[in-house]
Structure formats: C-alpha cells, structure tokens
Amino acid sequence: MTKFGWLSPVAGHAGSNFQPIVMYQEEHIFPQALPHFDSLWIADHFYGFDADKKEGFLEAWVTLTWLAARFPDIMLCHHVLGHGYRNPALTAKMASTLQVLSGNRFILGIGAGWREDEYDSYGYDFPSAATRLRQLEEVVQICRLMWTEEHPTFDGTYFQIADAAATPRPDVVPPICIGSSGEQVGLPIVGRQADIWNGHHRSDDAWLRMRDIVHTAAGDAGRDPADVECSLTVAGDLPDSDTASDEWIERLSHLRDLGVEHFIMDFGHPLDVEPALRFAEQVIAPMKAG
C-alpha cells in the first residue's frame, strides 16, 4: 500500500517570524491533517542555513518525542539522524526508549551525515564520506544488538560496546530507515541493513539505477529485496484547486510506477489546514484506493 509521510520543518526563519515551523504546524495543521498521514518526519540539524545563524532549529530527538506525546496514532521518524552527532550506544538507548514510550511507533531514520560546518562547530570529528558510511553500518549493527540481546557486545573497526544493556528493550524492533544515495558504499549498506531506503530522485534513470543497487545488495546478503521499502522525499506546494490535486496525482503516480512506496511530503510552511485536507481527500485517498 502507498504510504504518505509529513516532513515538518523544525527551522524558524523570517517567513515564520523565526518561530520553528513545527510549532505552528503542531497547533494549526496537525490536529486535522495528521490523521490522514502514515508518518511524521523531523530533520536533524543544530542550527539553520543562514550565514548569521539567526534561524532557529529545534533538536531532533526532543522534538520528535514531544510530537510522539502530542499525536499518539502516527509513525515517527527522523529525516535523518547524522550518526556522528551521538554515540552509537546512546542512539540505540534513546531509540529503544522512544519505541517503548510511543507504543512501537518509532522508525530509526539515520544516515552518514554531510554538513561539515555543523560537525566542526559542535566539535565532532568529520572523517571521509566512505568512513562515515562504514561507521554507519556498525551503528546499525550495534542498535539491533542492543534492542534484541540481554548482554550485547560488539567489537568493530570503529565502535565497541561491552555488555551495553538497553532495558527495557522494545517488544517490536524499530525499523531502520537509511538515507543514502552513494552508489559505491552507501546503497550497498542500505541493501544489507535497511528496512526502508530514503533516496533522491534526480532522474528516472538514476533512481532506477540506485534502486537496483539496493536490490542487488539485499539479494547478495540473503535478503528479499522486496523487504526494503523505497521512500522518497517530495517537495511542493499543497494544492489550492482540483487541477493542482490532479497534477499531484500524476506526479506521484509516475514515481510509484518507479517503485516508490512511501512519499515523504515536504510542503514547507502552509498557514491554513484546508489545502492539507484537500491533499488528503483528492490525492492521498485515491492513491491509496488505487
């Protein structure tokens, strides 16, 4: 079944009077709109993208936990965590805690990280992309061990844990969503380790090539490639007319034909809930029915 996620900006800029947009959406959009969506996604950065750093940017774990308490019927995911911002064992512990507290609604969305200036500002190491990706695979392995074993121990190339108990362990192991488009290292890791792949669509040919790499790596690892759900972040304005809704259906149907199963919708900063309800009625409902 086709799924729809809502990506809510945690940034606050001049267009939102520097209030983090998710705070506005929590009050004015989500109570009516979220029941029509399958998942809610929050980005992981420490500050905005303006040069003078006036834009606010809420911390991702705290924000998602706040939303988990406010909206108890939707899946929750980060878009995506930079694994280098937090110790792997701490990430596993935080994830298991939120999974328990949310009633098994948490998806661990994670990636290699990319924003070097942010790493430098906060004092984190920023190794090469290939190293960050190989570290990511160890992070995922550590998380699954800590979620499932009483006495998890791991001695990797980059990370180690020794009897790192993470009780209470979750009854349902959180799915892992990996955001990556690196064809040499990242996508093979997705195929080996991820339950969900969050990719980029630059062109149909590029998307299909990346999807095939994921599927091949999954098969080589003894997995069913169909077990890796394909998700894609799609940006655009909410529809303000029947014609605009039809255009959305055409656009998303084409992507679905390419194998996209979970659309992560980035609508920016809508001020009124009505277009979101129009999208739910005229886009989500017919696509789920079809």
C-alpha atoms as a PDB file:
ATOM      1  CA  MET A   1       0.000   0.000   0.000  1.00  0.00           C
ATOM      2  CA  THR A   2       1.182   3.510  -0.795  1.00  0.00           C
ATOM      3  CA  LYS A   3       2.178   5.460   2.314  1.00  0.00           C
ATOM      4  CA  PHE A   4       2.410   9.184   2.977  1.00  0.00           C
ATOM      5  CA  GLY A   5       4.620  10.950   5.476  1.00  0.00           C
ATOM      6  CA  TRP A   6       4.657  14.604   6.527  1.00  0.00           C
ATOM      7  CA  LEU A   7       8.061  16.278   6.859  1.00  0.00           C
ATOM      8  CA  SER A   8       7.698  19.134   9.333  1.00  0.00           C
ATOM      9  CA  PRO A   9      10.397  21.855   9.338  1.00  0.00           C
ATOM     10  CA  VAL A  10      11.989  22.408  12.729  1.00  0.00           C
ATOM     11  CA  ALA A  11      13.609  25.579  11.382  1.00  0.00           C
ATOM     12  CA  GLY A  12      12.368  29.060  12.119  1.00  0.00           C
ATOM     13  CA  HIS A  13      13.167  31.794   9.603  1.00  0.00           C
ATOM     14  CA  ALA A  14      11.982  35.248   8.599  1.00  0.00           C
ATOM     15  CA  GLY A  15       8.960  33.773   6.823  1.00  0.00           C
ATOM     16  CA  SER A  16       7.783  32.226  10.094  1.00  0.00           C
ATOM     17  CA  ASN A  17       8.820  35.194  12.236  1.00  0.00           C
ATOM     18  CA  PHE A  18      11.686  32.947  13.402  1.00  0.00           C
ATOM     19  CA  GLN A  19       9.311  30.589  15.188  1.00  0.00           C
ATOM     20  CA  PRO A  20      10.182  26.945  14.371  1.00  0.00           C
ATOM     21  CA  ILE A  21       7.587  25.941  11.787  1.00  0.00           C
ATOM     22  CA  VAL A  22       6.809  22.647  13.502  1.00  0.00           C
ATOM     23  CA  MET A  23       5.431  24.617  16.447  1.00  0.00           C
ATOM     24  CA  TYR A  24       2.932  26.363  14.179  1.00  0.00           C
ATOM     25  CA  GLN A  25       2.020  23.123  12.453  1.00  0.00           C
ATOM     26  CA  GLU A  26       1.542  21.321  15.763  1.00  0.00           C
ATOM     27  CA  GLU A  27      -1.115  23.856  16.719  1.00  0.00           C
ATOM     28  CA  HIS A  28      -2.772  24.782  13.425  1.00  0.00           C
ATOM     29  CA  ILE A  29      -2.207  21.944  10.934  1.00  0.00           C
ATOM     30  CA  PHE A  30      -1.553  18.608  12.607  1.00  0.00           C
ATOM     31  CA  PRO A  31      -4.741  18.078  14.653  1.00  0.00           C
ATOM     32  CA  GLN A  32      -6.800  17.818  11.447  1.00  0.00           C
ATOM     33  CA  ALA A  33      -4.188  16.812   8.876  1.00  0.00           C
ATOM     34  CA  LEU A  34      -2.094  14.109  10.529  1.00  0.00           C
ATOM     35  CA  PRO A  35      -4.884  11.523  10.826  1.00  0.00           C
ATOM     36  CA  HIS A  36      -4.673  11.250   7.031  1.00  0.00           C
ATOM     37  CA  PHE A  37      -0.918  10.550   7.008  1.00  0.00           C
ATOM     38  CA  ASP A  38       1.055   7.440   7.922  1.00  0.00           C
ATOM     39  CA  SER A  39       4.205   9.007   9.326  1.00  0.00           C
ATOM     40  CA  LEU A  40       5.725  12.221  10.683  1.00  0.00           C
ATOM     41  CA  TRP A  41       9.352  13.156   9.972  1.00  0.00           C
ATOM     42  CA  ILE A  42      11.774  15.627  11.608  1.00  0.00           C
ATOM     43  CA  ALA A  43      15.208  16.707  10.302  1.00  0.00           C
ATOM     44  CA  ASP A  44      18.373  16.516  12.415  1.00  0.00           C
ATOM     45  CA  HIS A  45      20.467  19.674  12.492  1.00  0.00           C
ATOM     46  CA  PHE A  46      21.605  22.049  15.209  1.00  0.00           C
ATOM     47  CA  TYR A  47      21.117  25.408  13.510  1.00  0.00           C
ATOM     48  CA  GLY A  48      19.661  26.837  10.318  1.00  0.00           C
ATOM     49  CA  PHE A  49      21.281  27.574   6.991  1.00  0.00           C
ATOM     50  CA  ASP A  50      21.513  31.369   7.131  1.00  0.00           C
ATOM     51  CA  ALA A  51      25.018  32.805   7.379  1.00  0.00           C
ATOM     52  CA  ASP A  52      24.410  34.738  10.610  1.00  0.00           C
ATOM     53  CA  LYS A  53      22.667  31.776  12.287  1.00  0.00           C
ATOM     54  CA  LYS A  54      19.548  33.702  13.273  1.00  0.00           C
ATOM     55  CA  GLU A  55      17.296  30.880  12.123  1.00  0.00           C
ATOM     56  CA  GLY A  56      16.265  28.611  14.945  1.00  0.00           C
ATOM     57  CA  PHE A  57      16.455  24.841  14.585  1.00  0.00           C
ATOM     58  CA  LEU A  58      14.944  22.593  17.230  1.00  0.00           C
ATOM     59  CA  GLU A  59      16.862  19.499  18.333  1.00  0.00           C
ATOM     60  CA  ALA A  60      15.509  16.444  16.562  1.00  0.00           C
ATOM     61  CA  TRP A  61      15.156  13.854  19.329  1.00  0.00           C
ATOM     62  CA  VAL A  62      13.456  16.197  21.779  1.00  0.00           C
ATOM     63  CA  THR A  63      11.108  17.491  19.088  1.00  0.00           C
ATOM     64  CA  LEU A  64      10.102  14.037  17.875  1.00  0.00           C
ATOM     65  CA  THR A  65       9.491  12.878  21.451  1.00  0.00           C
ATOM     66  CA  TRP A  66       7.264  15.922  22.031  1.00  0.00           C
ATOM     67  CA  LEU A  67       5.307  15.111  18.879  1.00  0.00           C
ATOM     68  CA  ALA A  68       5.029  11.444  19.873  1.00  0.00           C
ATOM     69  CA  ALA A  69       3.223  12.506  23.024  1.00  0.00           C
ATOM     70  CA  ARG A  70       1.009  15.016  21.232  1.00  0.00           C
ATOM     71  CA  PHE A  71      -0.076  12.702  18.391  1.00  0.00           C
ATOM     72  CA  PRO A  72      -0.366   9.081  19.561  1.00  0.00           C
ATOM     73  CA  ASP A  73      -1.512   7.456  16.307  1.00  0.00           C
ATOM     74  CA  ILE A  74       1.244   8.111  13.770  1.00  0.00           C
ATOM     75  CA  MET A  75       4.623   6.565  12.986  1.00  0.00           C
ATOM     76  CA  LEU A  76       7.637   8.721  13.849  1.00  0.00           C
ATOM     77  CA  CYS A  77      10.968   9.069  12.053  1.00  0.00           C
ATOM     78  CA  HIS A  78      13.954  11.387  11.780  1.00  0.00           C
ATOM     79  CA  HIS A  79      14.895  12.682   8.333  1.00  0.00           C
ATOM     80  CA  VAL A  80      17.581  11.522   9.001  1.00  0.00           C
ATOM     81  CA  LEU A  81      19.856  11.454  12.024  1.00  0.00           C
ATOM     82  CA  GLY A  82      23.517  12.163  11.439  1.00  0.00           C
ATOM     83  CA  HIS A  83      25.039   9.196  13.236  1.00  0.00           C
ATOM     84  CA  GLY A  84      28.175  11.147  14.144  1.00  0.00           C
ATOM     85  CA  TYR A  85      26.219  13.534  16.372  1.00  0.00           C
ATOM     86  CA  ARG A  86      25.611  10.868  19.012  1.00  0.00           C
ATOM     87  CA  ASN A  87      27.439   7.876  20.395  1.00  0.00           C
ATOM     88  CA  PRO A  88      26.076   4.664  18.798  1.00  0.00           C
ATOM     89  CA  ALA A  89      25.097   3.051  22.094  1.00  0.00           C
ATOM     90  CA  LEU A  90      23.342   6.237  23.187  1.00  0.00           C
ATOM     91  CA  THR A  91      21.450   6.328  19.884  1.00  0.00           C
ATOM     92  CA  ALA A  92      20.345   2.727  20.449  1.00  0.00           C
ATOM     93  CA  LYS A  93      19.249   3.502  24.001  1.00  0.00           C
ATOM     94  CA  MET A  94      17.308   6.612  23.002  1.00  0.00           C
ATOM     95  CA  ALA A  95      15.632   4.706  20.170  1.00  0.00           C
ATOM     96  CA  SER A  96      14.582   1.814  22.393  1.00  0.00           C
ATOM     97  CA  THR A  97      13.216   4.266  24.967  1.00  0.00           C
ATOM     98  CA  LEU A  98      11.124   6.147  22.416  1.00  0.00           C
ATOM     99  CA  GLN A  99       9.918   2.881  20.910  1.00  0.00           C
ATOM    100  CA  VAL A 100       8.706   1.728  24.329  1.00  0.00           C
ATOM    101  CA  LEU A 101       7.138   5.059  25.270  1.00  0.00           C
ATOM    102  CA  SER A 102       5.424   5.534  21.897  1.00  0.00           C
ATOM    103  CA  GLY A 103       3.875   2.090  21.752  1.00  0.00           C
ATOM    104  CA  ASN A 104       6.096   0.808  18.926  1.00  0.00           C
ATOM    105  CA  ARG A 105       5.652   3.785  16.585  1.00  0.00           C
ATOM    106  CA  PHE A 106       9.319   4.704  16.097  1.00  0.00           C
ATOM    107  CA  ILE A 107      11.402   4.269  12.943  1.00  0.00           C
ATOM    108  CA  LEU A 108      15.125   4.920  13.300  1.00  0.00           C
ATOM    109  CA  GLY A 109      15.968   7.188  10.369  1.00  0.00           C
ATOM    110  CA  ILE A 110      19.734   7.546  10.129  1.00  0.00           C
ATOM    111  CA  GLY A 111      22.496   8.429   7.700  1.00  0.00           C
ATOM    112  CA  ALA A 112      26.190   9.211   7.422  1.00  0.00           C
ATOM    113  CA  GLY A 113      25.810  12.968   7.940  1.00  0.00           C
ATOM    114  CA  TRP A 114      27.043  15.560   5.463  1.00  0.00           C
ATOM    115  CA  ARG A 115      27.163  19.044   6.981  1.00  0.00           C
ATOM    116  CA  GLU A 116      30.841  19.544   7.797  1.00  0.00           C
ATOM    117  CA  ASP A 117      30.481  23.053   9.217  1.00  0.00           C
ATOM    118  CA  GLU A 118      27.994  21.786  11.782  1.00  0.00           C
ATOM    119  CA  TYR A 119      30.306  18.972  12.866  1.00  0.00           C
ATOM    120  CA  ASP A 120      33.152  21.473  13.240  1.00  0.00           C
ATOM    121  CA  SER A 121      31.025  23.952  15.181  1.00  0.00           C
ATOM    122  CA  TYR A 122      29.938  21.335  17.700  1.00  0.00           C
ATOM    123  CA  GLY A 123      33.328  19.677  17.993  1.00  0.00           C
ATOM    124  CA  TYR A 124      32.567  16.377  16.244  1.00  0.00           C
ATOM    125  CA  ASP A 125      35.021  14.511  14.059  1.00  0.00           C
ATOM    126  CA  PHE A 126      34.167  14.550  10.350  1.00  0.00           C
ATOM    127  CA  PRO A 127      36.027  11.741   8.555  1.00  0.00           C
ATOM    128  CA  SER A 128      35.705  10.948   4.863  1.00  0.00           C
ATOM    129  CA  ALA A 129      32.328  10.033   3.391  1.00  0.00           C
ATOM    130  CA  ALA A 130      33.400   6.407   2.932  1.00  0.00           C
ATOM    131  CA  THR A 131      34.474   6.184   6.570  1.00  0.00           C
ATOM    132  CA  ARG A 132      31.262   7.802   7.808  1.00  0.00           C
ATOM    133  CA  LEU A 133      29.259   5.273   5.802  1.00  0.00           C
ATOM    134  CA  ARG A 134      31.229   2.310   7.126  1.00  0.00           C
ATOM    135  CA  GLN A 135      30.743   3.695  10.620  1.00  0.00           C
ATOM    136  CA  LEU A 136      27.022   3.903   9.891  1.00  0.00           C
ATOM    137  CA  GLU A 137      26.850   0.176   9.204  1.00  0.00           C
ATOM    138  CA  GLU A 138      28.415  -0.530  12.604  1.00  0.00           C
ATOM    139  CA  VAL A 139      25.960   1.860  14.266  1.00  0.00           C
ATOM    140  CA  VAL A 140      23.038  -0.066  12.777  1.00  0.00           C
ATOM    141  CA  GLN A 141      24.520  -3.363  13.919  1.00  0.00           C
ATOM    142  CA  ILE A 142      25.015  -2.036  17.448  1.00  0.00           C
ATOM    143  CA  CYS A 143      21.447  -0.766  17.584  1.00  0.00           C
ATOM    144  CA  ARG A 144      19.954  -4.095  16.593  1.00  0.00           C
ATOM    145  CA  LEU A 145      22.135  -5.952  19.119  1.00  0.00           C
ATOM    146  CA  MET A 146      21.128  -3.619  21.935  1.00  0.00           C
ATOM    147  CA  TRP A 147      17.448  -3.883  21.029  1.00  0.00           C
ATOM    148  CA  THR A 148      17.433  -7.682  20.979  1.00  0.00           C
ATOM    149  CA  GLU A 149      20.126  -9.109  23.273  1.00  0.00           C
ATOM    150  CA  GLU A 150      20.424  -9.183  27.066  1.00  0.00           C
ATOM    151  CA  HIS A 151      24.210  -8.722  27.051  1.00  0.00           C
ATOM    152  CA  PRO A 152      25.096  -7.032  23.752  1.00  0.00           C
ATOM    153  CA  THR A 153      28.784  -6.836  22.907  1.00  0.00           C
ATOM    154  CA  PHE A 154      30.332  -5.561  19.686  1.00  0.00           C
ATOM    155  CA  ASP A 155      33.962  -5.110  18.678  1.00  0.00           C
ATOM    156  CA  GLY A 156      34.032  -3.282  15.374  1.00  0.00           C
ATOM    157  CA  THR A 157      36.579  -1.349  13.401  1.00  0.00           C
ATOM    158  CA  TYR A 158      35.183   1.981  14.609  1.00  0.00           C
ATOM    159  CA  PHE A 159      32.956   1.292  17.618  1.00  0.00           C
ATOM    160  CA  GLN A 160      32.866  -1.059  20.562  1.00  0.00           C
ATOM    161  CA  ILE A 161      30.344  -1.883  23.269  1.00  0.00           C
ATOM    162  CA  ALA A 162      30.718  -4.279  26.175  1.00  0.00           C
ATOM    163  CA  ASP A 163      27.571  -5.680  27.791  1.00  0.00           C
ATOM    164  CA  ALA A 164      25.708  -2.472  26.867  1.00  0.00           C
ATOM    165  CA  ALA A 165      22.278  -3.440  28.210  1.00  0.00           C
ATOM    166  CA  ALA A 166      19.423  -1.230  26.990  1.00  0.00           C
ATOM    167  CA  THR A 167      16.486  -2.236  29.138  1.00  0.00           C
ATOM    168  CA  PRO A 168      13.596  -2.052  28.810  1.00  0.00           C
ATOM    169  CA  ARG A 169      14.156  -3.461  25.346  1.00  0.00           C
ATOM    170  CA  PRO A 170      11.345  -2.827  22.854  1.00  0.00           C
ATOM    171  CA  ASP A 171       8.817  -5.559  22.131  1.00  0.00           C
ATOM    172  CA  VAL A 172       8.966  -4.566  18.456  1.00  0.00           C
ATOM    173  CA  VAL A 173      12.389  -3.886  16.980  1.00  0.00           C
ATOM    174  CA  PRO A 174      12.270  -0.424  15.354  1.00  0.00           C
ATOM    175  CA  PRO A 175      12.508  -0.463  11.563  1.00  0.00           C
ATOM    176  CA  ILE A 176      15.645   1.236  10.282  1.00  0.00           C
ATOM    177  CA  CYS A 177      15.458   3.810   7.507  1.00  0.00           C
ATOM    178  CA  ILE A 178      18.791   4.717   5.918  1.00  0.00           C
ATOM    179  CA  GLY A 179      19.099   7.867   3.864  1.00  0.00           C
ATOM    180  CA  SER A 180      21.782   7.474   1.218  1.00  0.00           C
ATOM    181  CA  SER A 181      22.455   7.860  -2.491  1.00  0.00           C
ATOM    182  CA  GLY A 182      26.110   6.798  -2.605  1.00  0.00           C
ATOM    183  CA  GLU A 183      26.374   4.094  -5.222  1.00  0.00           C
ATOM    184  CA  GLN A 184      29.742   2.653  -4.179  1.00  0.00           C
ATOM    185  CA  VAL A 185      29.330   2.318  -0.406  1.00  0.00           C
ATOM    186  CA  GLY A 186      26.062   3.784   0.853  1.00  0.00           C
ATOM    187  CA  LEU A 187      23.488   1.952  -1.262  1.00  0.00           C
ATOM    188  CA  PRO A 188      25.057  -1.487  -0.711  1.00  0.00           C
ATOM    189  CA  ILE A 189      24.804  -0.789   3.040  1.00  0.00           C
ATOM    190  CA  VAL A 190      21.137   0.062   2.538  1.00  0.00           C
ATOM    191  CA  GLY A 191      20.597  -3.260   0.812  1.00  0.00           C
ATOM    192  CA  ARG A 192      22.355  -5.184   3.574  1.00  0.00           C
ATOM    193  CA  GLN A 193      20.924  -3.371   6.574  1.00  0.00           C
ATOM    194  CA  ALA A 194      17.890  -1.125   5.958  1.00  0.00           C
ATOM    195  CA  ASP A 195      14.197  -1.830   6.273  1.00  0.00           C
ATOM    196  CA  ILE A 196      13.460   1.456   4.476  1.00  0.00           C
ATOM    197  CA  TRP A 197      15.559   3.363   1.962  1.00  0.00           C
ATOM    198  CA  ASN A 198      15.131   7.127   1.708  1.00  0.00           C
ATOM    199  CA  GLY A 199      16.657   8.149  -1.602  1.00  0.00           C
ATOM    200  CA  HIS A 200      16.842  11.055  -4.036  1.00  0.00           C
ATOM    201  CA  HIS A 201      15.170  11.340  -7.438  1.00  0.00           C
ATOM    202  CA  ARG A 202      17.406  13.279  -9.819  1.00  0.00           C
ATOM    203  CA  SER A 203      16.085  11.457 -12.864  1.00  0.00           C
ATOM    204  CA  ASP A 204      14.160   8.284 -13.579  1.00  0.00           C
ATOM    205  CA  ASP A 205      17.267   6.521 -14.847  1.00  0.00           C
ATOM    206  CA  ALA A 206      19.328   7.500 -11.801  1.00  0.00           C
ATOM    207  CA  TRP A 207      16.574   6.399  -9.416  1.00  0.00           C
ATOM    208  CA  LEU A 208      16.199   3.013 -11.096  1.00  0.00           C
ATOM    209  CA  ARG A 209      19.961   2.502 -11.106  1.00  0.00           C
ATOM    210  CA  MET A 210      20.180   3.253  -7.380  1.00  0.00           C
ATOM    211  CA  ARG A 211      17.176   1.063  -6.609  1.00  0.00           C
ATOM    212  CA  ASP A 212      18.779  -1.808  -8.497  1.00  0.00           C
ATOM    213  CA  ILE A 213      21.975  -1.430  -6.459  1.00  0.00           C
ATOM    214  CA  VAL A 214      19.929  -1.659  -3.269  1.00  0.00           C
ATOM    215  CA  HIS A 215      18.052  -4.719  -4.515  1.00  0.00           C
ATOM    216  CA  THR A 216      21.225  -6.460  -5.672  1.00  0.00           C
ATOM    217  CA  ALA A 217      22.953  -5.859  -2.347  1.00  0.00           C
ATOM    218  CA  ALA A 218      19.907  -7.147  -0.482  1.00  0.00           C
ATOM    219  CA  GLY A 219      19.866 -10.316  -2.562  1.00  0.00           C
ATOM    220  CA  ASP A 220      23.600 -10.830  -2.087  1.00  0.00           C
ATOM    221  CA  ALA A 221      23.054 -10.571   1.678  1.00  0.00           C
ATOM    222  CA  GLY A 222      20.396 -13.270   1.567  1.00  0.00           C
ATOM    223  CA  ARG A 223      17.521 -10.860   1.937  1.00  0.00           C
ATOM    224  CA  ASP A 224      14.367 -10.466  -0.132  1.00  0.00           C
ATOM    225  CA  PRO A 225      14.820  -7.148  -1.986  1.00  0.00           C
ATOM    226  CA  ALA A 226      11.094  -6.518  -1.556  1.00  0.00           C
ATOM    227  CA  ASP A 227      11.705  -6.254   2.196  1.00  0.00           C
ATOM    228  CA  VAL A 228      13.463  -2.905   1.635  1.00  0.00           C
ATOM    229  CA  GLU A 229      10.732  -0.279   1.372  1.00  0.00           C
ATOM    230  CA  CYS A 230      11.561   2.562  -1.021  1.00  0.00           C
ATOM    231  CA  SER A 231      10.769   6.038   0.285  1.00  0.00           C
ATOM    232  CA  LEU A 232      11.299   9.381  -1.427  1.00  0.00           C
ATOM    233  CA  THR A 233      11.113  12.945  -0.162  1.00  0.00           C
ATOM    234  CA  VAL A 234       8.950  15.084  -2.452  1.00  0.00           C
ATOM    235  CA  ALA A 235       8.719  18.861  -2.099  1.00  0.00           C
ATOM    236  CA  GLY A 236       5.990  21.146  -3.395  1.00  0.00           C
ATOM    237  CA  ASP A 237       3.059  23.350  -2.502  1.00  0.00           C
ATOM    238  CA  LEU A 238      -0.190  21.953  -1.191  1.00  0.00           C
ATOM    239  CA  PRO A 239      -2.947  22.022  -3.847  1.00  0.00           C
ATOM    240  CA  ASP A 240      -5.295  25.002  -3.995  1.00  0.00           C
ATOM    241  CA  SER A 241      -7.553  23.593  -6.732  1.00  0.00           C
ATOM    242  CA  ASP A 242      -8.822  20.360  -8.267  1.00  0.00           C
ATOM    243  CA  THR A 243      -6.368  20.864 -11.108  1.00  0.00           C
ATOM    244  CA  ALA A 244      -3.434  21.146  -8.713  1.00  0.00           C
ATOM    245  CA  SER A 245      -4.537  17.926  -6.995  1.00  0.00           C
ATOM    246  CA  ASP A 246      -4.679  16.160 -10.360  1.00  0.00           C
ATOM    247  CA  GLU A 247      -1.139  17.348 -11.061  1.00  0.00           C
ATOM    248  CA  TRP A 248      -0.002  15.879  -7.745  1.00  0.00           C
ATOM    249  CA  ILE A 249      -1.614  12.541  -8.582  1.00  0.00           C
ATOM    250  CA  GLU A 250       0.104  12.474 -11.963  1.00  0.00           C
ATOM    251  CA  ARG A 251       3.474  13.284 -10.433  1.00  0.00           C
ATOM    252  CA  LEU A 252       3.234  10.798  -7.570  1.00  0.00           C
ATOM    253  CA  SER A 253       1.720   8.030  -9.695  1.00  0.00           C
ATOM    254  CA  HIS A 254       4.729   8.227 -12.004  1.00  0.00           C
ATOM    255  CA  LEU A 255       7.062   7.887  -9.017  1.00  0.00           C
ATOM    256  CA  ARG A 256       5.026   4.995  -7.680  1.00  0.00           C
ATOM    257  CA  ASP A 257       5.467   3.264 -11.034  1.00  0.00           C
ATOM    258  CA  LEU A 258       9.225   3.580 -10.437  1.00  0.00           C
ATOM    259  CA  GLY A 259       8.874   1.671  -7.172  1.00  0.00           C
ATOM    260  CA  VAL A 260       8.369   4.422  -4.597  1.00  0.00           C
ATOM    261  CA  GLU A 261       6.192   3.099  -1.778  1.00  0.00           C
ATOM    262  CA  HIS A 262       6.412   5.818   0.888  1.00  0.00           C
ATOM    263  CA  PHE A 263       6.212   9.501  -0.050  1.00  0.00           C
ATOM    264  CA  ILE A 264       7.716  11.919   2.477  1.00  0.00           C
ATOM    265  CA  MET A 265       5.940  15.184   1.704  1.00  0.00           C
ATOM    266  CA  ASP A 266       7.703  18.497   2.292  1.00  0.00           C
ATOM    267  CA  PHE A 267       5.092  21.247   1.997  1.00  0.00           C
ATOM    268  CA  GLY A 268       7.141  23.992   3.618  1.00  0.00           C
ATOM    269  CA  HIS A 269       5.114  26.411   5.757  1.00  0.00           C
ATOM    270  CA  PRO A 270       1.398  26.244   4.888  1.00  0.00           C
ATOM    271  CA  LEU A 271      -0.612  28.666   7.010  1.00  0.00           C
ATOM    272  CA  ASP A 272      -4.021  27.068   6.546  1.00  0.00           C
ATOM    273  CA  VAL A 273      -5.109  23.473   7.081  1.00  0.00           C
ATOM    274  CA  GLU A 274      -7.625  23.484   4.206  1.00  0.00           C
ATOM    275  CA  PRO A 275      -5.087  22.699   1.444  1.00  0.00           C
ATOM    276  CA  ALA A 276      -3.733  19.844   3.561  1.00  0.00           C
ATOM    277  CA  LEU A 277      -7.220  18.404   3.840  1.00  0.00           C
ATOM    278  CA  ARG A 278      -7.669  18.870   0.080  1.00  0.00           C
ATOM    279  CA  PHE A 279      -4.441  16.912  -0.471  1.00  0.00           C
ATOM    280  CA  ALA A 280      -5.705  14.172   1.846  1.00  0.00           C
ATOM    281  CA  GLU A 281      -9.072  13.924   0.100  1.00  0.00           C
ATOM    282  CA  GLN A 282      -8.037  14.414  -3.512  1.00  0.00           C
ATOM    283  CA  VAL A 283      -4.545  12.880  -3.580  1.00  0.00           C
ATOM    284  CA  ILE A 284      -3.932  10.511  -0.668  1.00  0.00           C
ATOM    285  CA  ALA A 285      -7.344   8.836  -0.691  1.00  0.00           C
ATOM    286  CA  PRO A 286      -7.476   7.970  -4.409  1.00  0.00           C
ATOM    287  CA  MET A 287      -3.844   6.847  -4.476  1.00  0.00           C
ATOM    288  CA  LYS A 288      -4.368   4.545  -1.516  1.00  0.00           C
ATOM    289  CA  ALA A 289      -7.544   3.217  -3.118  1.00  0.00           C
ATOM    290  CA  GLY A 290      -5.737   2.576  -6.370  1.00  0.00           C
END
